[in-house]
Amino acid sequence: MPIDATLPYDDANIFARILRGELPCTAVFRDQWALAFHDINPQAPTHILVIPTGRYVSMDDFSARASDAEISGFFRAVGHVARTLGLVEPGYRLLANVGQDGHQEVPHLHIHLFGGKPLGPMLAR
């Protein structure tokens, strides 16, 4: 169910529980700024979720409240994961859903990193 990205952060969301070690994940990267792990319902041969370690509901929330160090660390982590997985060439897609119209389902900022095949157009016309 999509969420309203303007809601307060919910510490019971699945990604918060993963960050606390209450739920398992298959991690591919972790540092002080980000955790990257395989999606449990992959939509492409490579489907990684990258989440900030801080408590941010959405990209809007993150861009408004995160420190410069958090923002640069998070985006450097996204790039590192793409390079490490060999996705830079031939290419990959990043997707961050925000709010109800964007179909955000978990109230913790997360970027989907898709690759491993031609992905087609971004949106159905």
N, C-alpha and C. Protein backbone atom coordinates (compact mmCIF):
# COMPACT_ATOMS: atom_id res chain seq x y z
N MET A 1 0.85 -1.18 0.00
CA MET A 1 0.00 0.00 0.00
C MET A 1 0.89 1.24 0.00
N PRO A 2 0.69 2.16 -0.92
CA PRO A 2 1.49 3.38 -0.96
C PRO A 2 1.30 4.19 0.32
N ILE A 3 2.34 4.93 0.67
CA ILE A 3 2.30 5.74 1.89
C ILE A 3 2.39 7.22 1.53
N ASP A 4 2.05 8.05 2.48
CA ASP A 4 2.19 9.50 2.33
C ASP A 4 3.58 9.86 2.84
N ALA A 5 4.45 10.32 1.94
CA ALA A 5 5.85 10.60 2.28
C ALA A 5 6.01 11.77 3.23
N THR A 6 4.93 12.47 3.56
CA THR A 6 5.02 13.57 4.51
C THR A 6 4.79 13.09 5.94
N LEU A 7 4.47 11.81 6.13
CA LEU A 7 4.24 11.27 7.47
C LEU A 7 5.54 11.22 8.26
N PRO A 8 5.44 11.21 9.59
CA PRO A 8 6.65 11.05 10.41
C PRO A 8 7.28 9.69 10.17
N TYR A 9 8.56 9.57 10.46
CA TYR A 9 9.28 8.31 10.29
C TYR A 9 8.69 7.25 11.21
N ASP A 10 8.52 6.04 10.70
CA ASP A 10 7.97 4.91 11.46
C ASP A 10 9.11 3.92 11.75
N ASP A 11 9.53 3.84 13.01
CA ASP A 11 10.63 2.95 13.39
C ASP A 11 10.29 1.47 13.23
N ALA A 12 9.04 1.13 12.97
CA ALA A 12 8.65 -0.26 12.79
C ALA A 12 8.70 -0.68 11.31
N ASN A 13 9.08 0.22 10.40
CA ASN A 13 9.10 -0.16 8.97
C ASN A 13 10.17 -1.23 8.74
N ILE A 14 9.99 -2.00 7.68
CA ILE A 14 10.85 -3.16 7.42
C ILE A 14 12.32 -2.78 7.26
N PHE A 15 12.61 -1.63 6.64
CA PHE A 15 14.01 -1.26 6.45
C PHE A 15 14.67 -0.82 7.76
N ALA A 16 13.91 -0.18 8.64
CA ALA A 16 14.43 0.16 9.97
C ALA A 16 14.76 -1.12 10.73
N ARG A 17 13.92 -2.11 10.59
CA ARG A 17 14.15 -3.40 11.26
C ARG A 17 15.37 -4.11 10.68
N ILE A 18 15.57 -4.02 9.37
CA ILE A 18 16.76 -4.59 8.75
C ILE A 18 18.01 -3.87 9.26
N LEU A 19 17.96 -2.54 9.30
CA LEU A 19 19.12 -1.77 9.79
C LEU A 19 19.47 -2.14 11.23
N ARG A 20 18.48 -2.43 12.05
CA ARG A 20 18.73 -2.80 13.45
C ARG A 20 19.13 -4.27 13.60
N GLY A 21 19.12 -5.04 12.51
CA GLY A 21 19.49 -6.45 12.58
C GLY A 21 18.37 -7.35 13.04
N GLU A 22 17.13 -6.84 13.10
CA GLU A 22 15.99 -7.64 13.52
C GLU A 22 15.49 -8.55 12.40
N LEU A 23 15.74 -8.16 11.17
CA LEU A 23 15.37 -8.96 10.00
C LEU A 23 16.61 -9.15 9.15
N PRO A 24 16.73 -10.32 8.51
CA PRO A 24 17.92 -10.57 7.68
C PRO A 24 17.82 -9.90 6.32
N CYS A 25 18.98 -9.73 5.71
CA CYS A 25 19.06 -9.29 4.32
C CYS A 25 20.33 -9.88 3.73
N THR A 26 20.39 -9.92 2.42
CA THR A 26 21.61 -10.34 1.73
C THR A 26 22.33 -9.08 1.30
N ALA A 27 23.19 -8.60 2.17
CA ALA A 27 23.87 -7.32 1.95
C ALA A 27 24.97 -7.46 0.91
N VAL A 28 25.12 -6.39 0.11
CA VAL A 28 26.24 -6.30 -0.83
C VAL A 28 27.17 -5.14 -0.47
N PHE A 29 26.71 -4.27 0.43
CA PHE A 29 27.52 -3.12 0.84
C PHE A 29 26.93 -2.54 2.12
N ARG A 30 27.82 -2.10 3.00
CA ARG A 30 27.37 -1.36 4.18
C ARG A 30 28.50 -0.46 4.65
N ASP A 31 28.16 0.78 4.97
CA ASP A 31 29.08 1.69 5.63
C ASP A 31 28.25 2.56 6.57
N GLN A 32 28.84 3.65 7.07
CA GLN A 32 28.10 4.48 8.03
C GLN A 32 26.92 5.21 7.42
N TRP A 33 26.89 5.34 6.09
CA TRP A 33 25.86 6.13 5.42
C TRP A 33 24.78 5.30 4.74
N ALA A 34 25.08 4.06 4.36
CA ALA A 34 24.13 3.31 3.53
C ALA A 34 24.27 1.81 3.74
N LEU A 35 23.17 1.13 3.43
CA LEU A 35 23.14 -0.32 3.36
C LEU A 35 22.53 -0.68 2.01
N ALA A 36 23.18 -1.60 1.30
CA ALA A 36 22.66 -2.08 0.01
C ALA A 36 22.48 -3.58 0.11
N PHE A 37 21.34 -4.05 -0.37
CA PHE A 37 21.03 -5.48 -0.26
C PHE A 37 20.11 -5.90 -1.40
N HIS A 38 20.07 -7.21 -1.64
CA HIS A 38 19.23 -7.76 -2.71
C HIS A 38 17.76 -7.63 -2.33
N ASP A 39 16.94 -7.20 -3.30
CA ASP A 39 15.49 -7.15 -3.12
C ASP A 39 14.96 -8.58 -3.03
N ILE A 40 14.01 -8.82 -2.14
CA ILE A 40 13.47 -10.19 -1.99
C ILE A 40 12.48 -10.54 -3.09
N ASN A 41 12.06 -9.55 -3.88
CA ASN A 41 11.15 -9.79 -5.00
C ASN A 41 11.73 -9.08 -6.23
N PRO A 42 12.85 -9.61 -6.78
CA PRO A 42 13.55 -8.88 -7.83
C PRO A 42 12.72 -8.69 -9.11
N GLN A 43 12.84 -7.49 -9.68
CA GLN A 43 12.14 -7.13 -10.90
C GLN A 43 13.07 -7.10 -12.11
N ALA A 44 14.34 -7.46 -11.90
CA ALA A 44 15.36 -7.53 -12.95
C ALA A 44 16.40 -8.53 -12.47
N PRO A 45 17.27 -9.02 -13.37
CA PRO A 45 18.31 -9.96 -12.93
C PRO A 45 19.14 -9.42 -11.77
N THR A 46 19.44 -8.14 -11.78
CA THR A 46 20.07 -7.48 -10.64
C THR A 46 19.07 -6.45 -10.11
N HIS A 47 18.68 -6.60 -8.86
CA HIS A 47 17.75 -5.66 -8.22
C HIS A 47 18.22 -5.48 -6.78
N ILE A 48 18.87 -4.36 -6.55
CA ILE A 48 19.45 -4.02 -5.26
C ILE A 48 18.69 -2.83 -4.68
N LEU A 49 18.46 -2.86 -3.38
CA LEU A 49 17.91 -1.70 -2.67
C LEU A 49 19.05 -1.04 -1.92
N VAL A 50 19.13 0.27 -2.03
CA VAL A 50 20.13 1.04 -1.29
C VAL A 50 19.36 2.00 -0.39
N ILE A 51 19.63 1.90 0.91
CA ILE A 51 18.92 2.73 1.89
C ILE A 51 19.92 3.51 2.73
N PRO A 52 19.56 4.74 3.11
CA PRO A 52 20.43 5.46 4.03
C PRO A 52 20.30 4.84 5.43
N THR A 53 21.34 4.96 6.24
CA THR A 53 21.28 4.44 7.59
C THR A 53 20.50 5.37 8.52
N GLY A 54 20.26 6.60 8.09
CA GLY A 54 19.49 7.55 8.89
C GLY A 54 17.99 7.37 8.70
N ARG A 55 17.23 8.03 9.55
CA ARG A 55 15.77 7.93 9.59
C ARG A 55 15.14 8.96 8.65
N TYR A 56 14.98 8.57 7.38
CA TYR A 56 14.39 9.46 6.37
C TYR A 56 13.27 8.74 5.66
N VAL A 57 12.12 9.39 5.57
CA VAL A 57 10.94 8.78 4.96
C VAL A 57 11.08 8.70 3.44
N SER A 58 11.60 9.75 2.82
CA SER A 58 11.58 9.84 1.36
C SER A 58 12.76 10.67 0.86
N MET A 59 12.89 10.75 -0.46
CA MET A 59 13.93 11.59 -1.06
C MET A 59 13.71 13.05 -0.66
N ASP A 60 12.46 13.48 -0.60
CA ASP A 60 12.17 14.86 -0.20
C ASP A 60 12.65 15.10 1.23
N ASP A 61 12.32 14.20 2.14
CA ASP A 61 12.73 14.30 3.53
C ASP A 61 14.26 14.30 3.64
N PHE A 62 14.91 13.39 2.92
CA PHE A 62 16.37 13.26 2.94
C PHE A 62 17.04 14.53 2.42
N SER A 63 16.58 15.04 1.30
CA SER A 63 17.21 16.23 0.71
C SER A 63 17.01 17.47 1.58
N ALA A 64 15.94 17.48 2.37
CA ALA A 64 15.65 18.64 3.22
C ALA A 64 16.39 18.57 4.57
N ARG A 65 16.59 17.36 5.11
CA ARG A 65 17.08 17.25 6.49
C ARG A 65 18.46 16.60 6.66
N ALA A 66 18.92 15.84 5.69
CA ALA A 66 20.20 15.14 5.85
C ALA A 66 21.36 16.12 5.77
N SER A 67 22.44 15.77 6.45
CA SER A 67 23.65 16.59 6.37
C SER A 67 24.31 16.39 5.01
N ASP A 68 25.20 17.32 4.66
CA ASP A 68 25.95 17.18 3.41
C ASP A 68 26.74 15.88 3.39
N ALA A 69 27.30 15.49 4.54
CA ALA A 69 28.06 14.24 4.61
C ALA A 69 27.16 13.03 4.36
N GLU A 70 25.94 13.03 4.93
CA GLU A 70 25.01 11.93 4.71
C GLU A 70 24.61 11.83 3.24
N ILE A 71 24.32 12.98 2.63
CA ILE A 71 23.89 13.00 1.23
C ILE A 71 25.01 12.50 0.33
N SER A 72 26.20 13.04 0.49
CA SER A 72 27.29 12.60 -0.39
C SER A 72 27.67 11.15 -0.10
N GLY A 73 27.67 10.74 1.15
CA GLY A 73 27.99 9.35 1.48
C GLY A 73 26.99 8.37 0.90
N PHE A 74 25.71 8.73 0.96
CA PHE A 74 24.67 7.86 0.42
C PHE A 74 24.82 7.72 -1.10
N PHE A 75 24.97 8.84 -1.80
CA PHE A 75 25.06 8.75 -3.26
C PHE A 75 26.37 8.13 -3.72
N ARG A 76 27.43 8.31 -2.96
CA ARG A 76 28.68 7.61 -3.28
C ARG A 76 28.49 6.10 -3.11
N ALA A 77 27.71 5.70 -2.12
CA ALA A 77 27.43 4.28 -1.91
C ALA A 77 26.66 3.70 -3.09
N VAL A 78 25.67 4.44 -3.60
CA VAL A 78 24.92 3.97 -4.76
C VAL A 78 25.86 3.74 -5.93
N GLY A 79 26.73 4.69 -6.21
CA GLY A 79 27.69 4.55 -7.29
C GLY A 79 28.66 3.40 -7.07
N HIS A 80 29.13 3.25 -5.85
CA HIS A 80 30.04 2.15 -5.52
C HIS A 80 29.39 0.80 -5.80
N VAL A 81 28.15 0.64 -5.39
CA VAL A 81 27.44 -0.63 -5.61
C VAL A 81 27.30 -0.90 -7.10
N ALA A 82 26.91 0.10 -7.89
CA ALA A 82 26.77 -0.09 -9.33
C ALA A 82 28.09 -0.50 -9.96
N ARG A 83 29.17 0.15 -9.56
CA ARG A 83 30.50 -0.20 -10.11
C ARG A 83 30.92 -1.60 -9.68
N THR A 84 30.74 -1.92 -8.41
CA THR A 84 31.14 -3.22 -7.88
C THR A 84 30.40 -4.36 -8.57
N LEU A 85 29.14 -4.15 -8.90
CA LEU A 85 28.34 -5.19 -9.55
C LEU A 85 28.51 -5.21 -11.07
N GLY A 86 29.38 -4.34 -11.59
CA GLY A 86 29.65 -4.32 -13.03
C GLY A 86 28.52 -3.79 -13.87
N LEU A 87 27.75 -2.85 -13.33
CA LEU A 87 26.56 -2.36 -14.02
C LEU A 87 26.78 -1.07 -14.81
N VAL A 88 27.90 -0.41 -14.59
CA VAL A 88 28.12 0.88 -15.25
C VAL A 88 28.06 0.69 -16.76
N GLU A 89 28.72 -0.33 -17.25
CA GLU A 89 28.64 -0.68 -18.67
C GLU A 89 28.12 -2.10 -18.73
N PRO A 90 26.96 -2.39 -19.13
CA PRO A 90 26.18 -1.74 -20.18
C PRO A 90 25.11 -0.76 -19.71
N GLY A 91 24.94 -0.56 -18.41
CA GLY A 91 23.98 0.43 -17.93
C GLY A 91 23.04 -0.15 -16.88
N TYR A 92 22.38 0.76 -16.19
CA TYR A 92 21.46 0.38 -15.12
C TYR A 92 20.44 1.49 -14.93
N ARG A 93 19.47 1.23 -14.09
CA ARG A 93 18.42 2.21 -13.77
C ARG A 93 18.33 2.38 -12.27
N LEU A 94 18.12 3.63 -11.86
CA LEU A 94 17.83 3.95 -10.46
C LEU A 94 16.39 4.43 -10.38
N LEU A 95 15.70 4.03 -9.31
CA LEU A 95 14.32 4.44 -9.11
C LEU A 95 14.09 4.69 -7.63
N ALA A 96 13.51 5.84 -7.31
CA ALA A 96 13.10 6.14 -5.95
C ALA A 96 11.66 6.62 -5.99
N ASN A 97 10.76 5.85 -5.42
CA ASN A 97 9.35 6.23 -5.36
C ASN A 97 9.13 7.15 -4.17
N VAL A 98 8.31 8.18 -4.35
CA VAL A 98 8.03 9.13 -3.28
C VAL A 98 6.52 9.32 -3.18
N GLY A 99 5.98 9.04 -2.01
CA GLY A 99 4.58 9.32 -1.72
C GLY A 99 3.60 8.42 -2.43
N GLN A 100 2.34 8.73 -2.23
CA GLN A 100 1.25 7.90 -2.74
C GLN A 100 1.23 7.85 -4.26
N ASP A 101 1.31 9.00 -4.93
CA ASP A 101 1.28 8.98 -6.40
C ASP A 101 2.50 8.30 -6.99
N GLY A 102 3.63 8.34 -6.28
CA GLY A 102 4.84 7.66 -6.73
C GLY A 102 4.87 6.19 -6.34
N HIS A 103 3.86 5.73 -5.64
CA HIS A 103 3.69 4.34 -5.21
C HIS A 103 4.79 3.89 -4.24
N GLN A 104 5.18 4.78 -3.32
CA GLN A 104 6.14 4.40 -2.29
C GLN A 104 5.44 3.48 -1.30
N GLU A 105 6.02 2.30 -1.06
CA GLU A 105 5.38 1.31 -0.20
C GLU A 105 6.02 1.21 1.19
N VAL A 106 7.29 1.56 1.32
CA VAL A 106 7.97 1.50 2.62
C VAL A 106 8.39 2.92 2.99
N PRO A 107 8.01 3.38 4.20
CA PRO A 107 8.31 4.75 4.59
C PRO A 107 9.74 4.95 5.09
N HIS A 108 10.69 4.49 4.29
CA HIS A 108 12.11 4.74 4.52
C HIS A 108 12.70 4.93 3.13
N LEU A 109 13.42 6.03 2.91
CA LEU A 109 14.02 6.28 1.61
C LEU A 109 14.75 5.05 1.13
N HIS A 110 14.50 4.66 -0.10
CA HIS A 110 15.24 3.56 -0.71
C HIS A 110 15.31 3.78 -2.21
N ILE A 111 16.47 3.45 -2.74
CA ILE A 111 16.67 3.54 -4.19
C ILE A 111 16.80 2.12 -4.72
N HIS A 112 15.98 1.83 -5.73
CA HIS A 112 16.09 0.56 -6.44
C HIS A 112 17.16 0.71 -7.50
N LEU A 113 18.07 -0.24 -7.57
CA LEU A 113 19.10 -0.28 -8.59
C LEU A 113 18.82 -1.53 -9.43
N PHE A 114 18.44 -1.31 -10.69
CA PHE A 114 18.09 -2.41 -11.60
C PHE A 114 19.14 -2.56 -12.67
N GLY A 115 19.45 -3.79 -13.05
CA GLY A 115 20.39 -4.02 -14.15
C GLY A 115 20.37 -5.48 -14.56
N GLY A 116 21.30 -5.79 -15.45
CA GLY A 116 21.45 -7.16 -15.89
C GLY A 116 20.70 -7.55 -17.13
N LYS A 117 19.96 -6.61 -17.71
CA LYS A 117 19.25 -6.83 -18.96
C LYS A 117 18.78 -5.48 -19.49
N PRO A 118 18.43 -5.40 -20.80
CA PRO A 118 17.82 -4.17 -21.29
C PRO A 118 16.50 -3.93 -20.54
N LEU A 119 16.32 -2.73 -20.03
CA LEU A 119 15.18 -2.46 -19.15
C LEU A 119 13.99 -1.83 -19.83
N GLY A 120 14.12 -1.42 -21.07
CA GLY A 120 12.99 -0.84 -21.78
C GLY A 120 12.72 0.58 -21.33
N PRO A 121 11.60 1.14 -21.82
CA PRO A 121 11.27 2.53 -21.47
C PRO A 121 10.94 2.67 -19.99
N MET A 122 11.09 3.90 -19.50
CA MET A 122 10.85 4.14 -18.08
C MET A 122 9.41 3.94 -17.67
N LEU A 123 8.47 4.51 -18.40
CA LEU A 123 7.07 4.42 -18.04
C LEU A 123 6.27 3.95 -19.24
N ALA A 124 5.23 3.18 -18.97
CA ALA A 124 4.33 2.79 -20.05
C ALA A 124 3.60 4.04 -20.53
N ARG A 125 3.43 4.14 -21.81
CA ARG A 125 2.76 5.33 -22.35
C ARG A 125 1.28 5.13 -22.45
